[in-house]
Amino acid sequence: MPRSQFRPCIDLHNGQVKQIVGGSLNEDNPHELLTNFVSSEKPSYYAELYKRHNLTGAHVIKLGPGNDEAAREALRAWPGGLQIGGGITLDNAREWIDAGADKVIITSYLFPDTRFSLSRLQEFCNKLGKERVVVDLSCRKQGNKWIVAMNKWQTITNMEVNKESLDLLSNYCSEFLIHAADVEGLCQGIDTKLVEYLGKWTKVPTTYAGGANSITDLELVNKLSNGKVDLTFGSALDIFGGTKVKFEDCIAWNIKNNNF
């Protein structure tokens, strides 16, 4: 039986590694941005750290403009070891693969005028190959449903995260990345219901991010999803200024539960 893994991240904002409160990122009202952490280290520091511990599948997310060079720096530090997301389109995706990304992560491009375009996803799959494509289904809860949110989690789309949508999308991608935007950066606990449903619905490797605040959340996610969903820690992690989760404990979990 699979066991959930710790999957790390490098979030970039204005060229720096940061941890922010997900729902506060709004370019129209930048004064509303809530920042938990700004790193004094370069992006390459984190890429090299993840490489040293063989933490494959780490996602580098460009949160807005001004992050391309920082992202390239991270990719140069670990060619073939990182995934890249944020502003990825059909026109620039190959450039990022050529720059060293293992996979590209796409969201907003798939939702022109907030409506899902299957043809766009199919074009990605045809151009890069399914194995190079990760679909980011970061979402907000509306009632008892989770709806995909694009444009740095500010704009609601017409796609619900459910078994039917995941079944469809999994034909054209190799992984899902799902931020629970309502709890992202708050360190107040994961969306347990979403994790549980993802474990039932997903057929491809899936990483959940949002709200994790204890090393015990890895066991919780593992139990809720039957080991089918991996977990990202952000603001709670000591390497991002947090006090609740130690990076070395995450490494120990992966070694113990996945024998790598």
C-alpha atoms as a PDB file:
ATOM      1  CA  MET A   1       0.000   0.000   0.000  1.00  0.00           C
ATOM      2  CA  PRO A   2       1.348   3.485  -0.845  1.00  0.00           C
ATOM      3  CA  ARG A   3       2.265   5.898   1.910  1.00  0.00           C
ATOM      4  CA  SER A   4       1.867   9.671   1.685  1.00  0.00           C
ATOM      5  CA  GLN A   5       5.082  11.619   1.182  1.00  0.00           C
ATOM      6  CA  PHE A   6       6.296  15.086   2.067  1.00  0.00           C
ATOM      7  CA  ARG A   7       6.600  17.165  -1.125  1.00  0.00           C
ATOM      8  CA  PRO A   8       8.401  20.521  -0.789  1.00  0.00           C
ATOM      9  CA  CYS A   9       7.837  23.853  -2.513  1.00  0.00           C
ATOM     10  CA  ILE A  10       9.572  27.066  -3.548  1.00  0.00           C
ATOM     11  CA  ASP A  11       7.077  29.932  -3.736  1.00  0.00           C
ATOM     12  CA  LEU A  12       8.409  33.005  -5.553  1.00  0.00           C
ATOM     13  CA  HIS A  13       7.031  36.536  -5.263  1.00  0.00           C
ATOM     14  CA  ASN A  14       8.837  39.579  -6.677  1.00  0.00           C
ATOM     15  CA  GLY A  15      11.913  37.423  -7.222  1.00  0.00           C
ATOM     16  CA  GLN A  16      12.189  36.250  -3.606  1.00  0.00           C
ATOM     17  CA  VAL A  17      11.294  33.032  -1.812  1.00  0.00           C
ATOM     18  CA  LYS A  18       8.266  33.819   0.322  1.00  0.00           C
ATOM     19  CA  GLN A  19       5.395  32.244   2.196  1.00  0.00           C
ATOM     20  CA  ILE A  20       2.141  34.164   1.905  1.00  0.00           C
ATOM     21  CA  VAL A  21      -1.491  33.762   2.914  1.00  0.00           C
ATOM     22  CA  GLY A  22      -2.953  32.325  -0.276  1.00  0.00           C
ATOM     23  CA  GLY A  23      -6.213  34.228  -0.399  1.00  0.00           C
ATOM     24  CA  SER A  24      -4.508  37.615   0.092  1.00  0.00           C
ATOM     25  CA  LEU A  25      -2.589  37.707  -3.206  1.00  0.00           C
ATOM     26  CA  ASN A  26      -4.356  40.324  -5.314  1.00  0.00           C
ATOM     27  CA  GLU A  27      -2.467  42.474  -7.835  1.00  0.00           C
ATOM     28  CA  ASP A  28      -5.328  44.987  -7.932  1.00  0.00           C
ATOM     29  CA  ASN A  29      -4.978  45.533  -4.177  1.00  0.00           C
ATOM     30  CA  PRO A  30      -1.337  44.755  -3.322  1.00  0.00           C
ATOM     31  CA  HIS A  31      -1.692  46.367   0.115  1.00  0.00           C
ATOM     32  CA  GLU A  32      -3.880  43.414   1.102  1.00  0.00           C
ATOM     33  CA  LEU A  33      -1.008  40.932   0.725  1.00  0.00           C
ATOM     34  CA  LEU A  34      -0.284  39.057   3.944  1.00  0.00           C
ATOM     35  CA  THR A  35       3.279  37.728   4.045  1.00  0.00           C
ATOM     36  CA  ASN A  36       4.347  35.119   6.579  1.00  0.00           C
ATOM     37  CA  PHE A  37       7.993  34.845   5.557  1.00  0.00           C
ATOM     38  CA  VAL A  38      10.586  36.372   3.229  1.00  0.00           C
ATOM     39  CA  SER A  39      13.729  34.292   2.867  1.00  0.00           C
ATOM     40  CA  SER A  40      17.230  35.710   2.938  1.00  0.00           C
ATOM     41  CA  GLU A  41      18.316  32.660   0.933  1.00  0.00           C
ATOM     42  CA  LYS A  42      18.283  32.417  -2.840  1.00  0.00           C
ATOM     43  CA  PRO A  43      15.960  30.023  -4.665  1.00  0.00           C
ATOM     44  CA  SER A  44      18.978  27.871  -5.516  1.00  0.00           C
ATOM     45  CA  TYR A  45      19.560  27.251  -1.800  1.00  0.00           C
ATOM     46  CA  TYR A  46      16.223  25.462  -1.518  1.00  0.00           C
ATOM     47  CA  ALA A  47      16.685  23.595  -4.804  1.00  0.00           C
ATOM     48  CA  GLU A  48      20.078  22.320  -3.646  1.00  0.00           C
ATOM     49  CA  LEU A  49      18.612  21.364  -0.255  1.00  0.00           C
ATOM     50  CA  TYR A  50      15.853  19.335  -1.910  1.00  0.00           C
ATOM     51  CA  LYS A  51      18.332  17.748  -4.294  1.00  0.00           C
ATOM     52  CA  ARG A  52      20.564  16.704  -1.410  1.00  0.00           C
ATOM     53  CA  HIS A  53      17.654  14.822   0.139  1.00  0.00           C
ATOM     54  CA  ASN A  54      16.263  13.530  -3.182  1.00  0.00           C
ATOM     55  CA  LEU A  55      12.927  15.291  -2.664  1.00  0.00           C
ATOM     56  CA  THR A  56      11.667  14.850  -6.204  1.00  0.00           C
ATOM     57  CA  GLY A  57       8.446  16.469  -7.323  1.00  0.00           C
ATOM     58  CA  ALA A  58       9.044  19.763  -5.529  1.00  0.00           C
ATOM     59  CA  HIS A  59       7.002  22.564  -7.080  1.00  0.00           C
ATOM     60  CA  VAL A  60       8.360  26.022  -7.883  1.00  0.00           C
ATOM     61  CA  ILE A  61       5.458  28.480  -8.148  1.00  0.00           C
ATOM     62  CA  LYS A  62       5.846  31.941  -9.683  1.00  0.00           C
ATOM     63  CA  LEU A  63       3.297  34.142  -7.926  1.00  0.00           C
ATOM     64  CA  GLY A  64       2.959  36.965 -10.423  1.00  0.00           C
ATOM     65  CA  PRO A  65       5.505  38.762 -12.635  1.00  0.00           C
ATOM     66  CA  GLY A  66       9.177  39.337 -11.872  1.00  0.00           C
ATOM     67  CA  ASN A  67       9.999  35.746 -10.942  1.00  0.00           C
ATOM     68  CA  ASP A  68      11.375  34.213 -14.131  1.00  0.00           C
ATOM     69  CA  GLU A  69      15.052  34.634 -13.314  1.00  0.00           C
ATOM     70  CA  ALA A  70      14.570  33.381  -9.760  1.00  0.00           C
ATOM     71  CA  ALA A  71      12.786  30.324 -11.150  1.00  0.00           C
ATOM     72  CA  ARG A  72      15.555  29.672 -13.680  1.00  0.00           C
ATOM     73  CA  GLU A  73      18.110  29.893 -10.868  1.00  0.00           C
ATOM     74  CA  ALA A  74      16.283  27.158  -8.977  1.00  0.00           C
ATOM     75  CA  LEU A  75      16.031  24.966 -12.088  1.00  0.00           C
ATOM     76  CA  ARG A  76      19.750  25.367 -12.796  1.00  0.00           C
ATOM     77  CA  ALA A  77      20.506  24.147  -9.272  1.00  0.00           C
ATOM     78  CA  TRP A  78      18.593  20.907  -9.844  1.00  0.00           C
ATOM     79  CA  PRO A  79      17.958  20.203 -13.531  1.00  0.00           C
ATOM     80  CA  GLY A  80      15.228  17.610 -13.970  1.00  0.00           C
ATOM     81  CA  GLY A  81      14.281  17.631 -10.298  1.00  0.00           C
ATOM     82  CA  LEU A  82      11.691  20.386 -10.009  1.00  0.00           C
ATOM     83  CA  GLN A  83       8.280  21.272 -11.392  1.00  0.00           C
ATOM     84  CA  ILE A  84       7.474  24.843 -12.476  1.00  0.00           C
ATOM     85  CA  GLY A  85       4.154  26.665 -12.327  1.00  0.00           C
ATOM     86  CA  GLY A  86       2.774  30.170 -12.614  1.00  0.00           C
ATOM     87  CA  GLY A  87       2.035  31.805 -15.954  1.00  0.00           C
ATOM     88  CA  ILE A  88       2.682  28.619 -17.929  1.00  0.00           C
ATOM     89  CA  THR A  89       1.182  28.667 -21.437  1.00  0.00           C
ATOM     90  CA  LEU A  90       1.444  26.482 -24.510  1.00  0.00           C
ATOM     91  CA  ASP A  91       3.847  29.022 -25.986  1.00  0.00           C
ATOM     92  CA  ASN A  92       6.350  29.058 -23.103  1.00  0.00           C
ATOM     93  CA  ALA A  93       6.005  25.548 -21.670  1.00  0.00           C
ATOM     94  CA  ARG A  94       8.776  24.029 -23.794  1.00  0.00           C
ATOM     95  CA  GLU A  95      11.130  26.839 -22.743  1.00  0.00           C
ATOM     96  CA  TRP A  96      10.708  25.851 -19.114  1.00  0.00           C
ATOM     97  CA  ILE A  97      11.309  22.183 -19.861  1.00  0.00           C
ATOM     98  CA  ASP A  98      14.447  23.186 -21.764  1.00  0.00           C
ATOM     99  CA  ALA A  99      15.471  25.353 -18.777  1.00  0.00           C
ATOM    100  CA  GLY A 100      15.524  22.232 -16.582  1.00  0.00           C
ATOM    101  CA  ALA A 101      11.988  21.718 -15.312  1.00  0.00           C
ATOM    102  CA  ASP A 102      10.919  18.104 -14.961  1.00  0.00           C
ATOM    103  CA  LYS A 103       7.258  19.059 -15.452  1.00  0.00           C
ATOM    104  CA  VAL A 104       5.154  22.156 -16.008  1.00  0.00           C
ATOM    105  CA  ILE A 105       2.170  23.006 -13.815  1.00  0.00           C
ATOM    106  CA  ILE A 106      -0.811  24.654 -15.489  1.00  0.00           C
ATOM    107  CA  THR A 107      -4.005  26.262 -14.241  1.00  0.00           C
ATOM    108  CA  SER A 108      -5.107  29.643 -15.562  1.00  0.00           C
ATOM    109  CA  TYR A 109      -4.242  28.855 -19.183  1.00  0.00           C
ATOM    110  CA  LEU A 110      -6.794  26.042 -19.113  1.00  0.00           C
ATOM    111  CA  PHE A 111      -9.592  28.453 -18.202  1.00  0.00           C
ATOM    112  CA  PRO A 112      -9.967  31.183 -20.832  1.00  0.00           C
ATOM    113  CA  ASP A 113     -12.676  33.556 -19.587  1.00  0.00           C
ATOM    114  CA  THR A 114     -12.890  31.302 -16.489  1.00  0.00           C
ATOM    115  CA  ARG A 115     -14.309  28.373 -18.500  1.00  0.00           C
ATOM    116  CA  PHE A 116     -12.435  25.082 -18.781  1.00  0.00           C
ATOM    117  CA  SER A 117     -10.977  24.311 -22.211  1.00  0.00           C
ATOM    118  CA  LEU A 118     -10.364  20.621 -22.812  1.00  0.00           C
ATOM    119  CA  SER A 119      -8.763  21.421 -26.174  1.00  0.00           C
ATOM    120  CA  ARG A 120      -6.077  23.513 -24.470  1.00  0.00           C
ATOM    121  CA  LEU A 121      -5.196  20.662 -22.139  1.00  0.00           C
ATOM    122  CA  GLN A 122      -5.127  18.235 -25.048  1.00  0.00           C
ATOM    123  CA  GLU A 123      -2.740  20.564 -26.901  1.00  0.00           C
ATOM    124  CA  PHE A 124      -0.428  20.578 -23.883  1.00  0.00           C
ATOM    125  CA  CYS A 125      -0.535  16.805 -23.709  1.00  0.00           C
ATOM    126  CA  ASN A 126       0.195  16.466 -27.426  1.00  0.00           C
ATOM    127  CA  LYS A 127       3.046  18.990 -27.377  1.00  0.00           C
ATOM    128  CA  LEU A 128       4.882  17.903 -24.221  1.00  0.00           C
ATOM    129  CA  GLY A 129       3.603  14.404 -23.478  1.00  0.00           C
ATOM    130  CA  LYS A 130       1.295  13.524 -20.626  1.00  0.00           C
ATOM    131  CA  GLU A 131       4.232  12.721 -18.338  1.00  0.00           C
ATOM    132  CA  ARG A 132       5.404  16.369 -18.450  1.00  0.00           C
ATOM    133  CA  VAL A 133       2.057  17.908 -17.466  1.00  0.00           C
ATOM    134  CA  VAL A 134       0.760  18.655 -13.963  1.00  0.00           C
ATOM    135  CA  VAL A 135      -2.675  20.227 -13.587  1.00  0.00           C
ATOM    136  CA  ASP A 136      -3.066  22.618 -10.667  1.00  0.00           C
ATOM    137  CA  LEU A 137      -6.612  22.400  -9.338  1.00  0.00           C
ATOM    138  CA  SER A 138      -6.206  24.860  -6.507  1.00  0.00           C
ATOM    139  CA  CYS A 139      -9.665  25.576  -5.226  1.00  0.00           C
ATOM    140  CA  ARG A 140     -11.985  27.442  -2.894  1.00  0.00           C
ATOM    141  CA  LYS A 141     -14.855  25.930  -0.999  1.00  0.00           C
ATOM    142  CA  GLN A 142     -18.331  27.066  -1.932  1.00  0.00           C
ATOM    143  CA  GLY A 143     -21.018  25.424   0.159  1.00  0.00           C
ATOM    144  CA  ASN A 144     -20.188  21.716   0.175  1.00  0.00           C
ATOM    145  CA  LYS A 145     -18.234  21.864  -3.090  1.00  0.00           C
ATOM    146  CA  TRP A 146     -14.700  22.806  -4.081  1.00  0.00           C
ATOM    147  CA  ILE A 147     -14.411  25.043  -7.152  1.00  0.00           C
ATOM    148  CA  VAL A 148     -11.164  25.578  -9.068  1.00  0.00           C
ATOM    149  CA  ALA A 149      -9.772  29.094  -8.577  1.00  0.00           C
ATOM    150  CA  MET A 150      -7.361  30.676 -11.072  1.00  0.00           C
ATOM    151  CA  ASN A 151      -5.458  33.961 -11.352  1.00  0.00           C
ATOM    152  CA  LYS A 152      -3.532  33.447  -8.119  1.00  0.00           C
ATOM    153  CA  TRP A 153      -6.647  31.958  -6.483  1.00  0.00           C
ATOM    154  CA  GLN A 154      -8.694  35.135  -6.949  1.00  0.00           C
ATOM    155  CA  THR A 155     -11.022  34.109  -9.790  1.00  0.00           C
ATOM    156  CA  ILE A 156     -13.554  31.289  -9.548  1.00  0.00           C
ATOM    157  CA  THR A 157     -13.908  29.051 -12.613  1.00  0.00           C
ATOM    158  CA  ASN A 158     -16.697  26.781 -13.852  1.00  0.00           C
ATOM    159  CA  MET A 159     -14.966  23.557 -12.761  1.00  0.00           C
ATOM    160  CA  GLU A 160     -15.818  21.640  -9.628  1.00  0.00           C
ATOM    161  CA  VAL A 161     -13.179  19.367  -8.122  1.00  0.00           C
ATOM    162  CA  ASN A 162     -14.872  15.975  -8.054  1.00  0.00           C
ATOM    163  CA  LYS A 163     -14.467  12.421  -9.327  1.00  0.00           C
ATOM    164  CA  GLU A 164     -15.764  13.255 -12.787  1.00  0.00           C
ATOM    165  CA  SER A 165     -13.409  16.178 -13.364  1.00  0.00           C
ATOM    166  CA  LEU A 166     -10.379  14.319 -11.994  1.00  0.00           C
ATOM    167  CA  ASP A 167     -11.181  11.298 -14.161  1.00  0.00           C
ATOM    168  CA  LEU A 168     -11.337  13.501 -17.252  1.00  0.00           C
ATOM    169  CA  LEU A 169      -8.183  15.474 -16.508  1.00  0.00           C
ATOM    170  CA  SER A 170      -6.120  12.415 -15.576  1.00  0.00           C
ATOM    171  CA  ASN A 171      -6.285  11.301 -19.209  1.00  0.00           C
ATOM    172  CA  TYR A 172      -4.059  14.247 -20.139  1.00  0.00           C
ATOM    173  CA  CYS A 173      -1.737  14.812 -17.173  1.00  0.00           C
ATOM    174  CA  SER A 174       0.539  12.805 -14.897  1.00  0.00           C
ATOM    175  CA  GLU A 175      -0.132  14.591 -11.586  1.00  0.00           C
ATOM    176  CA  PHE A 176      -2.424  16.969  -9.731  1.00  0.00           C
ATOM    177  CA  LEU A 177      -1.362  19.809  -7.442  1.00  0.00           C
ATOM    178  CA  ILE A 178      -4.166  21.095  -5.246  1.00  0.00           C
ATOM    179  CA  HIS A 179      -3.877  24.107  -2.960  1.00  0.00           C
ATOM    180  CA  ALA A 180      -6.810  24.613  -0.622  1.00  0.00           C
ATOM    181  CA  ALA A 181      -6.702  28.378  -1.093  1.00  0.00           C
ATOM    182  CA  ASP A 182      -9.004  29.182   1.811  1.00  0.00           C
ATOM    183  CA  VAL A 183      -6.576  27.712   4.347  1.00  0.00           C
ATOM    184  CA  GLU A 184      -3.287  28.228   2.453  1.00  0.00           C
ATOM    185  CA  GLY A 185      -0.720  30.021   4.630  1.00  0.00           C
ATOM    186  CA  LEU A 186      -2.880  30.116   7.758  1.00  0.00           C
ATOM    187  CA  CYS A 187      -1.272  27.143   9.566  1.00  0.00           C
ATOM    188  CA  GLN A 188      -4.641  26.349  11.127  1.00  0.00           C
ATOM    189  CA  GLY A 189      -5.082  22.810   9.878  1.00  0.00           C
ATOM    190  CA  ILE A 190      -5.687  21.027   6.598  1.00  0.00           C
ATOM    191  CA  ASP A 191      -9.017  20.670   4.801  1.00  0.00           C
ATOM    192  CA  THR A 192      -9.609  17.108   5.957  1.00  0.00           C
ATOM    193  CA  LYS A 193     -12.727  16.536   3.874  1.00  0.00           C
ATOM    194  CA  LEU A 194     -10.994  17.608   0.678  1.00  0.00           C
ATOM    195  CA  VAL A 195      -8.036  15.323   1.386  1.00  0.00           C
ATOM    196  CA  GLU A 196     -10.366  12.424   2.111  1.00  0.00           C
ATOM    197  CA  TYR A 197     -12.272  12.929  -1.136  1.00  0.00           C
ATOM    198  CA  LEU A 198      -9.068  13.320  -3.156  1.00  0.00           C
ATOM    199  CA  GLY A 199      -7.959   9.943  -1.834  1.00  0.00           C
ATOM    200  CA  LYS A 200     -11.171   8.418  -3.162  1.00  0.00           C
ATOM    201  CA  TRP A 201     -11.229  10.267  -6.477  1.00  0.00           C
ATOM    202  CA  THR A 202      -7.692  10.536  -7.804  1.00  0.00           C
ATOM    203  CA  LYS A 203      -6.057   8.033 -10.142  1.00  0.00           C
ATOM    204  CA  VAL A 204      -2.728   9.859 -10.533  1.00  0.00           C
ATOM    205  CA  PRO A 205      -0.175  11.156  -8.009  1.00  0.00           C
ATOM    206  CA  THR A 206      -1.687  14.113  -6.156  1.00  0.00           C
ATOM    207  CA  THR A 207      -0.112  16.687  -3.855  1.00  0.00           C
ATOM    208  CA  TYR A 208      -2.214  18.693  -1.398  1.00  0.00           C
ATOM    209  CA  ALA A 209      -1.102  22.014   0.106  1.00  0.00           C
ATOM    210  CA  GLY A 210      -2.845  24.259   2.585  1.00  0.00           C
ATOM    211  CA  GLY A 211      -3.019  24.660   6.348  1.00  0.00           C
ATOM    212  CA  ALA A 212      -0.640  21.894   7.451  1.00  0.00           C
ATOM    213  CA  ASN A 213       0.793  22.815  10.844  1.00  0.00           C
ATOM    214  CA  SER A 214       2.149  19.625  12.440  1.00  0.00           C
ATOM    215  CA  ILE A 215       4.334  16.705  11.433  1.00  0.00           C
ATOM    216  CA  THR A 216       1.364  14.545  12.464  1.00  0.00           C
ATOM    217  CA  ASP A 217      -0.494  15.964   9.448  1.00  0.00           C
ATOM    218  CA  LEU A 218       1.535  13.570   7.300  1.00  0.00           C
ATOM    219  CA  GLU A 219       0.025  10.618   9.143  1.00  0.00           C
ATOM    220  CA  LEU A 220      -3.396  12.284   8.994  1.00  0.00           C
ATOM    221  CA  VAL A 221      -3.201  12.791   5.225  1.00  0.00           C
ATOM    222  CA  ASN A 222      -1.891   9.257   4.831  1.00  0.00           C
ATOM    223  CA  LYS A 223      -4.858   7.873   6.797  1.00  0.00           C
ATOM    224  CA  LEU A 224      -7.512  10.057   5.150  1.00  0.00           C
ATOM    225  CA  SER A 225      -6.310   9.367   1.598  1.00  0.00           C
ATOM    226  CA  ASN A 226      -5.106   5.782   2.030  1.00  0.00           C
ATOM    227  CA  GLY A 227      -1.630   6.975   1.075  1.00  0.00           C
ATOM    228  CA  LYS A 228      -2.740   8.342  -2.297  1.00  0.00           C
ATOM    229  CA  VAL A 229      -2.204  12.048  -1.536  1.00  0.00           C
ATOM    230  CA  ASP A 230       1.123  13.684  -0.702  1.00  0.00           C
ATOM    231  CA  LEU A 231       1.489  16.766   1.506  1.00  0.00           C
ATOM    232  CA  THR A 232       3.303  20.083   1.216  1.00  0.00           C
ATOM    233  CA  PHE A 233       4.255  22.125   4.275  1.00  0.00           C
ATOM    234  CA  GLY A 234       4.762  25.846   3.787  1.00  0.00           C
ATOM    235  CA  SER A 235       4.597  28.535   6.451  1.00  0.00           C
ATOM    236  CA  ALA A 236       4.756  26.028   9.324  1.00  0.00           C
ATOM    237  CA  LEU A 237       8.120  24.643   8.175  1.00  0.00           C
ATOM    238  CA  ASP A 238      11.308  25.778   9.899  1.00  0.00           C
ATOM    239  CA  ILE A 239      13.157  26.403   6.622  1.00  0.00           C
ATOM    240  CA  PHE A 240      10.471  29.006   5.873  1.00  0.00           C
ATOM    241  CA  GLY A 241      10.629  30.648   9.289  1.00  0.00           C
ATOM    242  CA  GLY A 242       7.999  28.415  10.880  1.00  0.00           C
ATOM    243  CA  THR A 243       8.165  26.914  14.352  1.00  0.00           C
ATOM    244  CA  LYS A 244       5.688  24.054  14.074  1.00  0.00           C
ATOM    245  CA  VAL A 245       7.367  21.571  11.685  1.00  0.00           C
ATOM    246  CA  LYS A 246      11.039  20.615  11.308  1.00  0.00           C
ATOM    247  CA  PHE A 247      12.367  19.905   7.848  1.00  0.00           C
ATOM    248  CA  GLU A 248      14.479  17.057   9.231  1.00  0.00           C
ATOM    249  CA  ASP A 249      11.334  15.390  10.602  1.00  0.00           C
ATOM    250  CA  CYS A 250       9.776  15.492   7.130  1.00  0.00           C
ATOM    251  CA  ILE A 251      12.871  13.824   5.713  1.00  0.00           C
ATOM    252  CA  ALA A 252      12.729  11.181   8.444  1.00  0.00           C
ATOM    253  CA  TRP A 253       9.068  10.496   7.616  1.00  0.00           C
ATOM    254  CA  ASN A 254       9.856   9.976   3.940  1.00  0.00           C
ATOM    255  CA  ILE A 255      12.744   7.664   4.678  1.00  0.00           C
ATOM    256  CA  LYS A 256      10.739   5.627   7.167  1.00  0.00           C
ATOM    257  CA  ASN A 257       7.634   5.317   5.015  1.00  0.00           C
ATOM    258  CA  ASN A 258       8.981   5.170   1.499  1.00  0.00           C
ATOM    259  CA  ASN A 259      12.372   3.508   1.825  1.00  0.00           C
ATOM    260  CA  PHE A 260      14.290   5.977  -0.347  1.00  0.00           C
END
